[in-house]
């Protein structure tokens, strides 16, 4: 993943923890490319990043990580409400 709007080297150097949370959020919301997520790292960061994720992706990740079966009210089917 390449992010043109952020100086990643500087961000990583100045604030490594915030950089890692930001990077996880970016990877999840905008695509992994060739990368893979570490489930344990995602579980540790979950409380801090869950509100910044796409709602449908959030529901899907909760299912994958903890086996929470989503109810129909958790899934947003109208694309235009995803802001």
N, C-alpha and C. Protein backbone atom coordinates (compact mmCIF):
# COMPACT_ATOMS: atom_id res chain seq x y z
N UNK A 1 0.84 -1.17 0.00
CA UNK A 1 0.00 0.00 0.00
C UNK A 1 0.89 1.24 0.00
N UNK A 2 0.57 2.17 -0.85
CA UNK A 2 1.29 3.44 -0.91
C UNK A 2 0.34 4.57 -0.56
N UNK A 3 0.72 5.38 0.40
CA UNK A 3 -0.11 6.52 0.79
C UNK A 3 0.63 7.79 0.42
N UNK A 4 0.10 8.53 -0.50
CA UNK A 4 0.76 9.73 -1.00
C UNK A 4 0.52 10.96 -0.14
N UNK A 5 -0.42 10.94 0.78
CA UNK A 5 -0.76 12.14 1.55
C UNK A 5 -0.08 12.21 2.92
N UNK A 6 0.70 11.18 3.27
CA UNK A 6 1.34 11.14 4.58
C UNK A 6 2.81 10.79 4.39
N UNK A 7 3.68 11.49 5.11
CA UNK A 7 5.10 11.16 5.11
C UNK A 7 5.29 10.00 6.09
N UNK A 8 5.22 8.79 5.59
CA UNK A 8 5.23 7.61 6.44
C UNK A 8 6.53 7.45 7.22
N UNK A 9 7.66 7.75 6.62
CA UNK A 9 8.95 7.60 7.32
C UNK A 9 9.00 8.52 8.53
N UNK A 10 8.58 9.75 8.35
CA UNK A 10 8.59 10.71 9.46
C UNK A 10 7.58 10.30 10.54
N UNK A 11 6.38 9.93 10.12
CA UNK A 11 5.33 9.51 11.05
C UNK A 11 5.80 8.31 11.87
N UNK A 12 6.40 7.34 11.21
CA UNK A 12 6.88 6.13 11.88
C UNK A 12 7.98 6.46 12.89
N UNK A 13 8.85 7.39 12.54
CA UNK A 13 9.95 7.76 13.41
C UNK A 13 9.48 8.55 14.62
N UNK A 14 8.55 9.49 14.41
CA UNK A 14 8.10 10.36 15.48
C UNK A 14 7.09 9.71 16.42
N UNK A 15 6.27 8.82 15.90
CA UNK A 15 5.22 8.20 16.72
C UNK A 15 4.94 6.78 16.25
N UNK A 16 5.79 5.83 16.63
CA UNK A 16 5.64 4.46 16.11
C UNK A 16 4.31 3.79 16.46
N UNK A 17 3.79 4.02 17.67
CA UNK A 17 2.53 3.38 18.06
C UNK A 17 1.35 3.95 17.26
N UNK A 18 1.31 5.25 17.15
CA UNK A 18 0.23 5.88 16.37
C UNK A 18 0.34 5.50 14.91
N UNK A 19 1.58 5.39 14.42
CA UNK A 19 1.78 4.98 13.03
C UNK A 19 1.23 3.59 12.80
N UNK A 20 1.49 2.66 13.70
CA UNK A 20 1.03 1.28 13.52
C UNK A 20 -0.50 1.21 13.51
N UNK A 21 -1.14 1.96 14.40
CA UNK A 21 -2.61 1.98 14.43
C UNK A 21 -3.16 2.59 13.14
N UNK A 22 -2.55 3.69 12.70
CA UNK A 22 -2.97 4.33 11.45
C UNK A 22 -2.80 3.38 10.28
N UNK A 23 -1.66 2.69 10.23
CA UNK A 23 -1.37 1.78 9.12
C UNK A 23 -2.36 0.62 9.08
N UNK A 24 -2.67 0.04 10.25
CA UNK A 24 -3.66 -1.04 10.30
C UNK A 24 -5.01 -0.56 9.76
N UNK A 25 -5.42 0.61 10.20
CA UNK A 25 -6.69 1.17 9.74
C UNK A 25 -6.69 1.39 8.23
N UNK A 26 -5.61 1.93 7.71
CA UNK A 26 -5.49 2.17 6.28
C UNK A 26 -5.53 0.86 5.50
N UNK A 27 -4.80 -0.14 5.96
CA UNK A 27 -4.77 -1.43 5.27
C UNK A 27 -6.16 -2.07 5.23
N UNK A 28 -6.87 -2.00 6.34
CA UNK A 28 -8.19 -2.61 6.41
C UNK A 28 -9.19 -1.85 5.53
N UNK A 29 -9.20 -0.53 5.62
CA UNK A 29 -10.18 0.27 4.88
C UNK A 29 -9.90 0.39 3.39
N UNK A 30 -8.63 0.39 3.01
CA UNK A 30 -8.30 0.68 1.62
C UNK A 30 -7.63 -0.47 0.88
N UNK A 31 -7.48 -1.60 1.52
CA UNK A 31 -6.94 -2.76 0.82
C UNK A 31 -5.56 -3.15 1.30
N UNK A 32 -5.33 -4.44 1.35
CA UNK A 32 -4.07 -4.97 1.85
C UNK A 32 -2.98 -5.05 0.79
N UNK A 33 -3.37 -5.12 -0.45
CA UNK A 33 -2.37 -5.35 -1.50
C UNK A 33 -1.80 -6.75 -1.33
N UNK A 34 -0.50 -6.86 -1.23
CA UNK A 34 0.15 -8.16 -1.04
C UNK A 34 0.41 -8.48 0.42
N UNK A 35 0.00 -7.60 1.33
CA UNK A 35 0.29 -7.79 2.74
C UNK A 35 -0.79 -8.64 3.42
N UNK A 36 -0.43 -9.15 4.59
CA UNK A 36 -1.38 -9.90 5.41
C UNK A 36 -1.44 -9.26 6.78
N UNK A 37 -2.58 -9.41 7.43
CA UNK A 37 -2.73 -8.88 8.78
C UNK A 37 -2.36 -9.95 9.79
N UNK A 38 -1.77 -9.52 10.88
CA UNK A 38 -1.47 -10.40 12.00
C UNK A 38 -2.68 -10.36 12.94
N UNK A 39 -3.31 -11.50 13.15
CA UNK A 39 -4.55 -11.55 13.95
C UNK A 39 -4.32 -11.07 15.38
N UNK A 40 -3.21 -11.44 15.97
CA UNK A 40 -2.93 -11.04 17.36
C UNK A 40 -2.73 -9.52 17.45
N UNK A 41 -2.02 -8.96 16.51
CA UNK A 41 -1.81 -7.51 16.50
C UNK A 41 -3.14 -6.79 16.30
N UNK A 42 -3.98 -7.32 15.44
CA UNK A 42 -5.29 -6.72 15.20
C UNK A 42 -6.16 -6.80 16.45
N UNK A 43 -6.12 -7.91 17.15
CA UNK A 43 -6.90 -8.04 18.39
C UNK A 43 -6.45 -7.03 19.44
N UNK A 44 -5.14 -6.82 19.55
CA UNK A 44 -4.62 -5.85 20.53
C UNK A 44 -5.03 -4.42 20.17
N UNK A 45 -5.02 -4.11 18.88
CA UNK A 45 -5.33 -2.75 18.44
C UNK A 45 -6.83 -2.51 18.29
N UNK A 46 -7.63 -3.55 18.34
CA UNK A 46 -9.06 -3.45 18.05
C UNK A 46 -9.80 -2.35 18.81
N UNK A 47 -9.63 -2.23 20.13
CA UNK A 47 -10.39 -1.19 20.85
C UNK A 47 -10.09 0.22 20.34
N UNK A 48 -8.90 0.44 19.82
CA UNK A 48 -8.51 1.77 19.37
C UNK A 48 -8.90 2.06 17.93
N UNK A 49 -9.03 1.02 17.09
CA UNK A 49 -9.29 1.27 15.67
C UNK A 49 -10.69 0.91 15.21
N UNK A 50 -11.45 0.21 16.02
CA UNK A 50 -12.74 -0.32 15.55
C UNK A 50 -13.72 0.76 15.10
N UNK A 51 -13.68 1.94 15.70
CA UNK A 51 -14.61 3.01 15.32
C UNK A 51 -14.19 3.73 14.04
N UNK A 52 -12.98 3.45 13.56
CA UNK A 52 -12.47 4.10 12.34
C UNK A 52 -12.61 3.21 11.11
N UNK A 53 -13.20 2.03 11.29
CA UNK A 53 -13.31 1.08 10.19
C UNK A 53 -14.66 1.18 9.49
N UNK A 54 -14.69 0.75 8.25
CA UNK A 54 -15.93 0.63 7.51
C UNK A 54 -16.85 -0.31 8.31
N UNK A 55 -18.13 0.05 8.50
CA UNK A 55 -19.02 -0.75 9.35
C UNK A 55 -19.16 -2.21 8.92
N UNK A 56 -19.26 -2.46 7.62
CA UNK A 56 -19.40 -3.85 7.17
C UNK A 56 -18.11 -4.64 7.34
N UNK A 57 -16.99 -4.00 7.13
CA UNK A 57 -15.70 -4.66 7.35
C UNK A 57 -15.52 -4.96 8.83
N UNK A 58 -15.96 -4.04 9.66
CA UNK A 58 -15.87 -4.23 11.12
C UNK A 58 -16.66 -5.48 11.54
N UNK A 59 -17.88 -5.61 11.04
CA UNK A 59 -18.71 -6.77 11.37
C UNK A 59 -18.04 -8.06 10.89
N UNK A 60 -17.49 -8.03 9.69
CA UNK A 60 -16.82 -9.21 9.13
C UNK A 60 -15.58 -9.59 9.94
N UNK A 61 -14.79 -8.61 10.34
CA UNK A 61 -13.59 -8.90 11.14
C UNK A 61 -13.96 -9.43 12.52
N UNK A 62 -15.03 -8.90 13.11
CA UNK A 62 -15.48 -9.44 14.40
C UNK A 62 -15.86 -10.90 14.27
N UNK A 63 -16.46 -11.25 13.15
CA UNK A 63 -16.80 -12.65 12.90
C UNK A 63 -15.53 -13.50 12.75
N UNK A 64 -14.58 -13.02 11.98
CA UNK A 64 -13.35 -13.78 11.76
C UNK A 64 -12.51 -13.92 13.03
N UNK A 65 -12.41 -12.85 13.81
CA UNK A 65 -11.54 -12.86 14.98
C UNK A 65 -12.15 -13.55 16.19
N UNK A 66 -13.44 -13.32 16.43
CA UNK A 66 -14.06 -13.84 17.64
C UNK A 66 -15.26 -14.73 17.39
N UNK A 67 -15.67 -14.90 16.17
CA UNK A 67 -16.79 -15.76 15.86
C UNK A 67 -18.15 -15.15 16.15
N UNK A 68 -18.22 -13.82 16.31
CA UNK A 68 -19.51 -13.15 16.55
C UNK A 68 -20.34 -13.20 15.27
N UNK A 69 -21.44 -13.89 15.32
CA UNK A 69 -22.32 -13.98 14.16
C UNK A 69 -23.13 -12.68 14.08
N UNK A 70 -23.03 -11.96 12.97
CA UNK A 70 -23.72 -10.67 12.88
C UNK A 70 -25.22 -10.83 12.71
N UNK A 71 -25.96 -9.89 13.29
CA UNK A 71 -27.39 -9.85 13.03
C UNK A 71 -27.62 -8.98 11.80
N UNK A 72 -28.80 -9.01 11.26
CA UNK A 72 -29.08 -8.24 10.05
C UNK A 72 -28.96 -6.74 10.29
N UNK A 73 -29.16 -6.28 11.52
CA UNK A 73 -29.06 -4.85 11.79
C UNK A 73 -27.61 -4.37 11.80
N UNK A 74 -26.65 -5.30 11.94
CA UNK A 74 -25.24 -4.93 11.93
C UNK A 74 -24.71 -4.68 10.53
N UNK A 75 -25.40 -5.20 9.53
CA UNK A 75 -24.92 -5.10 8.15
C UNK A 75 -25.63 -3.95 7.45
N UNK A 76 -24.85 -3.04 6.93
CA UNK A 76 -25.39 -1.89 6.22
C UNK A 76 -25.39 -2.22 4.74
N UNK A 77 -26.58 -2.23 4.15
CA UNK A 77 -26.66 -2.65 2.75
C UNK A 77 -26.71 -1.47 1.78
N UNK A 78 -26.99 -0.28 2.26
CA UNK A 78 -27.05 0.88 1.38
C UNK A 78 -25.69 1.54 1.32
N UNK A 79 -25.07 1.53 0.16
CA UNK A 79 -23.74 2.09 -0.02
C UNK A 79 -23.65 3.55 0.42
N UNK A 80 -24.68 4.33 0.18
CA UNK A 80 -24.62 5.76 0.43
C UNK A 80 -24.66 6.12 1.91
N UNK A 81 -24.94 5.17 2.78
CA UNK A 81 -24.96 5.47 4.22
C UNK A 81 -23.63 5.15 4.88
N UNK A 82 -22.62 4.82 4.12
CA UNK A 82 -21.34 4.40 4.70
C UNK A 82 -20.39 5.56 4.98
N UNK A 83 -20.87 6.73 5.21
CA UNK A 83 -19.97 7.85 5.46
C UNK A 83 -19.66 8.02 6.92
